[in-house]
Amino acid sequence: MDYKLATFADLNKIVDFHLENFEGYYLTNLGKDVLNKYYYFFLNNKKNKFFLVKDGEEIVGLALFVEDFEEQINVFYKNNFLLLSKNILKKFVLLNKPVISGTLSRVISTVKSDSNIYDMPRMSLLSLAIDKKNRSQGIGKSLIDFSEVYLNDLGYKSYYLSVLNTNFRGINFYKRLGFKPIKTDNNLVYFEKSIMEGPLDDRQVNA
């Protein structure tokens, strides 16, 4: 297994990987054209760090870390407003449940005042996934370890992520890796993790 930073040359395979491994998700249901814009946008910002696990030319796993997520996602929505509006409208007409519920959730979170305020780290883990046929082999932990060594070298000391409160497998996975719950918001649980220090060889990264 090869652990590396993603490049624009990986974009098409990243989109295909997303379609295969994020079934039922909001962005998946918005279509391949939206996914291309989405991943290109985050790849194009040097603040972000996009890590891949590859077996030859095939992507086995990915971890996308985004700095100042709220700021960046607002720019993405603004830059792609027409495309997003067109695709969302189509899915509403077709009564696509993931898009309807996802859009309503985003509208509610925008207008809702959050009384559970927490000073979040600047870096967030936006996406983490391992290919279905390669799960339960320790690759997810290895990818997190590899990413943290890289981020630590850049001066990051912690990061956060959010996960659906019904995703018990994901919640248990993050807890085993040392993530600490910090707040809840609507149907999401937020976790924070301090980045361990030390050379990569001491972190037992196993492919």
C-alpha atoms as a PDB file:
ATOM      1  CA  MET A   1       0.000   0.000   0.000  1.00  0.00           C
ATOM      2  CA  ASP A   2       1.228   3.485  -0.902  1.00  0.00           C
ATOM      3  CA  TYR A   3       0.336   6.477   1.311  1.00  0.00           C
ATOM      4  CA  LYS A   4       0.586   9.790  -0.541  1.00  0.00           C
ATOM      5  CA  LEU A   5      -0.836  13.258  -1.104  1.00  0.00           C
ATOM      6  CA  ALA A   6      -3.578  13.478  -3.725  1.00  0.00           C
ATOM      7  CA  THR A   7      -2.996  15.455  -6.931  1.00  0.00           C
ATOM      8  CA  PHE A   8      -5.253  16.699  -9.715  1.00  0.00           C
ATOM      9  CA  ALA A   9      -4.289  13.589 -11.678  1.00  0.00           C
ATOM     10  CA  ASP A  10      -6.214  11.562  -9.063  1.00  0.00           C
ATOM     11  CA  LEU A  11      -9.420  13.608  -9.402  1.00  0.00           C
ATOM     12  CA  ASN A  12     -11.435  11.257 -11.614  1.00  0.00           C
ATOM     13  CA  LYS A  13     -10.531   8.225  -9.515  1.00  0.00           C
ATOM     14  CA  ILE A  14     -11.403  10.146  -6.323  1.00  0.00           C
ATOM     15  CA  VAL A  15     -14.872  10.923  -7.704  1.00  0.00           C
ATOM     16  CA  ASP A  16     -15.381   7.279  -8.734  1.00  0.00           C
ATOM     17  CA  PHE A  17     -14.207   6.160  -5.280  1.00  0.00           C
ATOM     18  CA  HIS A  18     -16.724   8.529  -3.667  1.00  0.00           C
ATOM     19  CA  LEU A  19     -19.598   7.210  -5.786  1.00  0.00           C
ATOM     20  CA  GLU A  20     -18.749   3.629  -4.822  1.00  0.00           C
ATOM     21  CA  ASN A  21     -18.181   4.211  -1.106  1.00  0.00           C
ATOM     22  CA  PHE A  22     -20.527   7.041  -0.098  1.00  0.00           C
ATOM     23  CA  GLU A  23     -23.828   5.585  -1.266  1.00  0.00           C
ATOM     24  CA  GLY A  24     -26.873   7.412   0.068  1.00  0.00           C
ATOM     25  CA  TYR A  25     -24.931  10.553   0.992  1.00  0.00           C
ATOM     26  CA  TYR A  26     -26.132  14.058   0.125  1.00  0.00           C
ATOM     27  CA  LEU A  27     -23.298  14.936  -2.268  1.00  0.00           C
ATOM     28  CA  THR A  28     -23.419  11.536  -3.946  1.00  0.00           C
ATOM     29  CA  ASN A  29     -27.050  12.096  -4.832  1.00  0.00           C
ATOM     30  CA  LEU A  30     -26.324  15.537  -6.288  1.00  0.00           C
ATOM     31  CA  GLY A  31     -24.389  13.901  -9.125  1.00  0.00           C
ATOM     32  CA  LYS A  32     -20.943  13.368 -10.574  1.00  0.00           C
ATOM     33  CA  ASP A  33     -20.675  16.922 -11.938  1.00  0.00           C
ATOM     34  CA  VAL A  34     -21.096  18.352  -8.430  1.00  0.00           C
ATOM     35  CA  LEU A  35     -18.570  15.880  -7.010  1.00  0.00           C
ATOM     36  CA  ASN A  36     -16.002  16.907  -9.620  1.00  0.00           C
ATOM     37  CA  LYS A  37     -16.414  20.568  -8.681  1.00  0.00           C
ATOM     38  CA  TYR A  38     -16.373  19.711  -4.970  1.00  0.00           C
ATOM     39  CA  TYR A  39     -13.118  17.751  -4.927  1.00  0.00           C
ATOM     40  CA  TYR A  40     -11.434  20.074  -7.418  1.00  0.00           C
ATOM     41  CA  PHE A  41     -12.287  23.008  -5.139  1.00  0.00           C
ATOM     42  CA  PHE A  42     -10.661  21.461  -2.064  1.00  0.00           C
ATOM     43  CA  LEU A  43      -7.683  20.113  -4.008  1.00  0.00           C
ATOM     44  CA  ASN A  44      -7.090  23.596  -5.407  1.00  0.00           C
ATOM     45  CA  ASN A  45      -6.683  25.183  -1.957  1.00  0.00           C
ATOM     46  CA  LYS A  46      -3.168  24.671  -0.592  1.00  0.00           C
ATOM     47  CA  LYS A  47      -4.450  25.065   2.983  1.00  0.00           C
ATOM     48  CA  ASN A  48      -6.053  21.646   2.659  1.00  0.00           C
ATOM     49  CA  LYS A  49      -4.305  18.280   2.860  1.00  0.00           C
ATOM     50  CA  PHE A  50      -5.715  15.373   0.892  1.00  0.00           C
ATOM     51  CA  PHE A  51      -4.195  11.956   1.634  1.00  0.00           C
ATOM     52  CA  LEU A  52      -4.717   8.750  -0.327  1.00  0.00           C
ATOM     53  CA  VAL A  53      -3.949   5.078   0.163  1.00  0.00           C
ATOM     54  CA  LYS A  54      -3.303   3.441  -3.194  1.00  0.00           C
ATOM     55  CA  ASP A  55      -2.747  -0.135  -4.282  1.00  0.00           C
ATOM     56  CA  GLY A  56      -1.078   0.321  -7.631  1.00  0.00           C
ATOM     57  CA  GLU A  57      -3.297   2.765  -9.508  1.00  0.00           C
ATOM     58  CA  GLU A  58      -6.415   2.027  -7.472  1.00  0.00           C
ATOM     59  CA  ILE A  59      -7.512   4.175  -4.525  1.00  0.00           C
ATOM     60  CA  VAL A  60      -8.031   2.098  -1.382  1.00  0.00           C
ATOM     61  CA  GLY A  61      -8.749   4.948   1.035  1.00  0.00           C
ATOM     62  CA  LEU A  62      -8.830   8.714   1.393  1.00  0.00           C
ATOM     63  CA  ALA A  63      -8.661  11.347   4.116  1.00  0.00           C
ATOM     64  CA  LEU A  64      -9.465  14.967   3.285  1.00  0.00           C
ATOM     65  CA  PHE A  65      -8.410  17.582   5.851  1.00  0.00           C
ATOM     66  CA  VAL A  66      -9.795  21.095   5.347  1.00  0.00           C
ATOM     67  CA  GLU A  67      -8.722  24.302   7.084  1.00  0.00           C
ATOM     68  CA  ASP A  68     -11.439  26.834   8.011  1.00  0.00           C
ATOM     69  CA  PHE A  69     -14.165  24.584   6.628  1.00  0.00           C
ATOM     70  CA  GLU A  70     -17.137  26.911   7.141  1.00  0.00           C
ATOM     71  CA  GLU A  71     -15.390  29.694   5.274  1.00  0.00           C
ATOM     72  CA  GLN A  72     -14.383  27.418   2.406  1.00  0.00           C
ATOM     73  CA  ILE A  73     -17.730  25.662   2.014  1.00  0.00           C
ATOM     74  CA  ASN A  74     -19.522  29.014   1.824  1.00  0.00           C
ATOM     75  CA  VAL A  75     -17.204  30.003  -1.032  1.00  0.00           C
ATOM     76  CA  PHE A  76     -17.882  26.668  -2.746  1.00  0.00           C
ATOM     77  CA  TYR A  77     -21.662  27.165  -2.472  1.00  0.00           C
ATOM     78  CA  LYS A  78     -21.363  30.702  -3.808  1.00  0.00           C
ATOM     79  CA  ASN A  79     -19.110  29.745  -6.725  1.00  0.00           C
ATOM     80  CA  ASN A  80     -21.339  26.828  -7.741  1.00  0.00           C
ATOM     81  CA  PHE A  81     -24.746  28.248  -6.873  1.00  0.00           C
ATOM     82  CA  LEU A  82     -26.345  27.693 -10.290  1.00  0.00           C
ATOM     83  CA  LEU A  83     -25.125  24.103 -10.661  1.00  0.00           C
ATOM     84  CA  LEU A  84     -26.139  23.198  -7.121  1.00  0.00           C
ATOM     85  CA  SER A  85     -29.551  24.862  -7.459  1.00  0.00           C
ATOM     86  CA  LYS A  86     -30.261  23.058 -10.731  1.00  0.00           C
ATOM     87  CA  ASN A  87     -29.291  19.648  -9.350  1.00  0.00           C
ATOM     88  CA  ILE A  88     -31.109  20.165  -6.043  1.00  0.00           C
ATOM     89  CA  LEU A  89     -34.290  21.207  -7.878  1.00  0.00           C
ATOM     90  CA  LYS A  90     -34.137  18.103 -10.066  1.00  0.00           C
ATOM     91  CA  LYS A  91     -33.776  15.870  -7.018  1.00  0.00           C
ATOM     92  CA  PHE A  92     -36.649  17.624  -5.203  1.00  0.00           C
ATOM     93  CA  VAL A  93     -38.901  16.952  -8.202  1.00  0.00           C
ATOM     94  CA  LEU A  94     -37.852  13.293  -8.083  1.00  0.00           C
ATOM     95  CA  LEU A  95     -38.490  13.230  -4.289  1.00  0.00           C
ATOM     96  CA  ASN A  96     -34.904  12.194  -3.601  1.00  0.00           C
ATOM     97  CA  LYS A  97     -34.884  11.752   0.186  1.00  0.00           C
ATOM     98  CA  PRO A  98     -31.134  12.258   0.879  1.00  0.00           C
ATOM     99  CA  VAL A  99     -31.123  15.545  -1.053  1.00  0.00           C
ATOM    100  CA  ILE A 100     -34.389  16.812   0.457  1.00  0.00           C
ATOM    101  CA  SER A 101     -33.381  16.017   4.048  1.00  0.00           C
ATOM    102  CA  GLY A 102     -29.792  17.189   3.478  1.00  0.00           C
ATOM    103  CA  THR A 103     -30.875  20.511   1.993  1.00  0.00           C
ATOM    104  CA  LEU A 104     -33.397  21.173   4.759  1.00  0.00           C
ATOM    105  CA  SER A 105     -30.782  20.287   7.389  1.00  0.00           C
ATOM    106  CA  ARG A 106     -28.321  22.762   5.865  1.00  0.00           C
ATOM    107  CA  VAL A 107     -30.946  25.518   5.766  1.00  0.00           C
ATOM    108  CA  ILE A 108     -31.869  24.901   9.392  1.00  0.00           C
ATOM    109  CA  SER A 109     -28.233  24.874  10.550  1.00  0.00           C
ATOM    110  CA  THR A 110     -27.654  28.186   8.722  1.00  0.00           C
ATOM    111  CA  VAL A 111     -30.511  30.055  10.422  1.00  0.00           C
ATOM    112  CA  LYS A 112     -30.285  28.281  13.778  1.00  0.00           C
ATOM    113  CA  SER A 113     -28.319  29.954  16.576  1.00  0.00           C
ATOM    114  CA  ASP A 114     -25.995  27.451  18.185  1.00  0.00           C
ATOM    115  CA  SER A 115     -26.160  27.692  21.964  1.00  0.00           C
ATOM    116  CA  ASN A 116     -23.549  24.978  22.381  1.00  0.00           C
ATOM    117  CA  ILE A 117     -20.544  27.072  21.358  1.00  0.00           C
ATOM    118  CA  TYR A 118     -17.106  25.451  21.238  1.00  0.00           C
ATOM    119  CA  ASP A 119     -13.842  26.919  20.042  1.00  0.00           C
ATOM    120  CA  MET A 120     -13.105  24.488  17.205  1.00  0.00           C
ATOM    121  CA  PRO A 121      -9.612  23.797  15.830  1.00  0.00           C
ATOM    122  CA  ARG A 122      -8.899  25.349  12.429  1.00  0.00           C
ATOM    123  CA  MET A 123      -8.310  21.975  10.756  1.00  0.00           C
ATOM    124  CA  SER A 124     -11.129  19.502  10.213  1.00  0.00           C
ATOM    125  CA  LEU A 125     -11.247  15.966   8.864  1.00  0.00           C
ATOM    126  CA  LEU A 126     -13.952  16.400   6.245  1.00  0.00           C
ATOM    127  CA  SER A 127     -13.892  12.917   4.712  1.00  0.00           C
ATOM    128  CA  LEU A 128     -12.435   9.559   5.701  1.00  0.00           C
ATOM    129  CA  ALA A 129     -13.240   6.371   3.825  1.00  0.00           C
ATOM    130  CA  ILE A 130     -11.767   2.966   3.041  1.00  0.00           C
ATOM    131  CA  ASP A 131     -12.888   0.922   0.052  1.00  0.00           C
ATOM    132  CA  LYS A 132     -15.546  -1.610   1.023  1.00  0.00           C
ATOM    133  CA  LYS A 133     -13.449  -4.659   0.164  1.00  0.00           C
ATOM    134  CA  ASN A 134     -10.485  -3.415   2.218  1.00  0.00           C
ATOM    135  CA  ARG A 135     -12.208  -2.487   5.483  1.00  0.00           C
ATOM    136  CA  SER A 136     -11.460  -4.023   8.894  1.00  0.00           C
ATOM    137  CA  GLN A 137      -7.767  -4.420   7.998  1.00  0.00           C
ATOM    138  CA  GLY A 138      -6.382  -1.467   9.985  1.00  0.00           C
ATOM    139  CA  ILE A 139      -6.001   0.759   6.908  1.00  0.00           C
ATOM    140  CA  GLY A 140      -8.190   3.508   8.357  1.00  0.00           C
ATOM    141  CA  LYS A 141      -6.040   3.774  11.478  1.00  0.00           C
ATOM    142  CA  SER A 142      -2.866   3.677   9.396  1.00  0.00           C
ATOM    143  CA  LEU A 143      -4.161   6.486   7.197  1.00  0.00           C
ATOM    144  CA  ILE A 144      -5.018   8.605  10.241  1.00  0.00           C
ATOM    145  CA  ASP A 145      -1.561   7.972  11.705  1.00  0.00           C
ATOM    146  CA  PHE A 146       0.148   8.857   8.424  1.00  0.00           C
ATOM    147  CA  SER A 147      -1.917  12.043   8.085  1.00  0.00           C
ATOM    148  CA  GLU A 148      -1.221  13.155  11.655  1.00  0.00           C
ATOM    149  CA  VAL A 149       2.538  12.861  11.227  1.00  0.00           C
ATOM    150  CA  TYR A 150       2.291  15.119   8.180  1.00  0.00           C
ATOM    151  CA  LEU A 151       0.012  17.607   9.945  1.00  0.00           C
ATOM    152  CA  ASN A 152       2.199  17.645  13.044  1.00  0.00           C
ATOM    153  CA  ASP A 153       5.194  18.571  10.891  1.00  0.00           C
ATOM    154  CA  LEU A 154       3.149  21.532   9.607  1.00  0.00           C
ATOM    155  CA  GLY A 155       2.445  22.697  13.156  1.00  0.00           C
ATOM    156  CA  TYR A 156      -1.125  21.474  13.657  1.00  0.00           C
ATOM    157  CA  LYS A 157      -1.791  20.207  17.162  1.00  0.00           C
ATOM    158  CA  SER A 158      -5.428  19.114  16.882  1.00  0.00           C
ATOM    159  CA  TYR A 159      -8.337  18.777  14.474  1.00  0.00           C
ATOM    160  CA  TYR A 160     -12.027  17.945  14.575  1.00  0.00           C
ATOM    161  CA  LEU A 161     -14.666  16.014  12.658  1.00  0.00           C
ATOM    162  CA  SER A 162     -18.409  15.454  12.719  1.00  0.00           C
ATOM    163  CA  VAL A 163     -20.337  12.223  12.335  1.00  0.00           C
ATOM    164  CA  LEU A 164     -24.037  11.357  12.279  1.00  0.00           C
ATOM    165  CA  ASN A 165     -25.263  10.374  15.723  1.00  0.00           C
ATOM    166  CA  THR A 166     -26.758   7.213  14.169  1.00  0.00           C
ATOM    167  CA  ASN A 167     -23.393   6.099  12.759  1.00  0.00           C
ATOM    168  CA  PHE A 168     -22.468   3.950  15.748  1.00  0.00           C
ATOM    169  CA  ARG A 169     -19.726   2.094  13.889  1.00  0.00           C
ATOM    170  CA  GLY A 170     -18.037   5.369  12.981  1.00  0.00           C
ATOM    171  CA  ILE A 171     -18.437   6.783  16.489  1.00  0.00           C
ATOM    172  CA  ASN A 172     -16.870   3.684  18.049  1.00  0.00           C
ATOM    173  CA  PHE A 173     -14.025   3.764  15.501  1.00  0.00           C
ATOM    174  CA  TYR A 174     -13.146   7.365  16.316  1.00  0.00           C
ATOM    175  CA  LYS A 175     -13.334   6.749  20.054  1.00  0.00           C
ATOM    176  CA  ARG A 176     -10.905   3.828  19.721  1.00  0.00           C
ATOM    177  CA  LEU A 177      -8.474   6.149  17.943  1.00  0.00           C
ATOM    178  CA  GLY A 178      -8.563   8.663  20.791  1.00  0.00           C
ATOM    179  CA  PHE A 179     -11.110  11.191  19.510  1.00  0.00           C
ATOM    180  CA  LYS A 180     -13.011  13.002  22.259  1.00  0.00           C
ATOM    181  CA  PRO A 181     -16.645  14.138  21.856  1.00  0.00           C
ATOM    182  CA  ILE A 182     -16.904  17.914  22.266  1.00  0.00           C
ATOM    183  CA  LYS A 183     -20.458  18.867  21.282  1.00  0.00           C
ATOM    184  CA  THR A 184     -23.648  17.847  19.524  1.00  0.00           C
ATOM    185  CA  ASP A 185     -25.541  19.880  16.946  1.00  0.00           C
ATOM    186  CA  ASN A 186     -28.811  18.709  15.359  1.00  0.00           C
ATOM    187  CA  ASN A 187     -28.066  15.111  14.315  1.00  0.00           C
ATOM    188  CA  LEU A 188     -24.267  15.408  14.416  1.00  0.00           C
ATOM    189  CA  VAL A 189     -21.675  14.554  17.053  1.00  0.00           C
ATOM    190  CA  TYR A 190     -18.410  16.519  16.933  1.00  0.00           C
ATOM    191  CA  PHE A 191     -15.097  14.973  17.964  1.00  0.00           C
ATOM    192  CA  GLU A 192     -11.678  16.512  18.530  1.00  0.00           C
ATOM    193  CA  LYS A 193      -8.316  14.776  18.522  1.00  0.00           C
ATOM    194  CA  SER A 194      -4.909  15.953  19.660  1.00  0.00           C
ATOM    195  CA  ILE A 195      -2.141  15.040  17.241  1.00  0.00           C
ATOM    196  CA  MET A 196       0.478  12.711  18.680  1.00  0.00           C
ATOM    197  CA  GLU A 197       4.077  13.717  18.237  1.00  0.00           C
ATOM    198  CA  GLY A 198       6.953  11.498  17.176  1.00  0.00           C
ATOM    199  CA  PRO A 199       8.476  10.070  13.996  1.00  0.00           C
ATOM    200  CA  LEU A 200       6.372   7.963  11.688  1.00  0.00           C
ATOM    201  CA  ASP A 201       8.297   4.752  12.443  1.00  0.00           C
ATOM    202  CA  ASP A 202       7.346   5.053  16.121  1.00  0.00           C
ATOM    203  CA  ARG A 203       3.638   5.336  15.287  1.00  0.00           C
ATOM    204  CA  GLN A 204       3.261   1.778  13.955  1.00  0.00           C
ATOM    205  CA  VAL A 205       1.702   2.630  10.627  1.00  0.00           C
ATOM    206  CA  ASN A 206       0.767  -0.651   9.001  1.00  0.00           C
ATOM    207  CA  ALA A 207      -0.432  -0.980   5.432  1.00  0.00           C
END
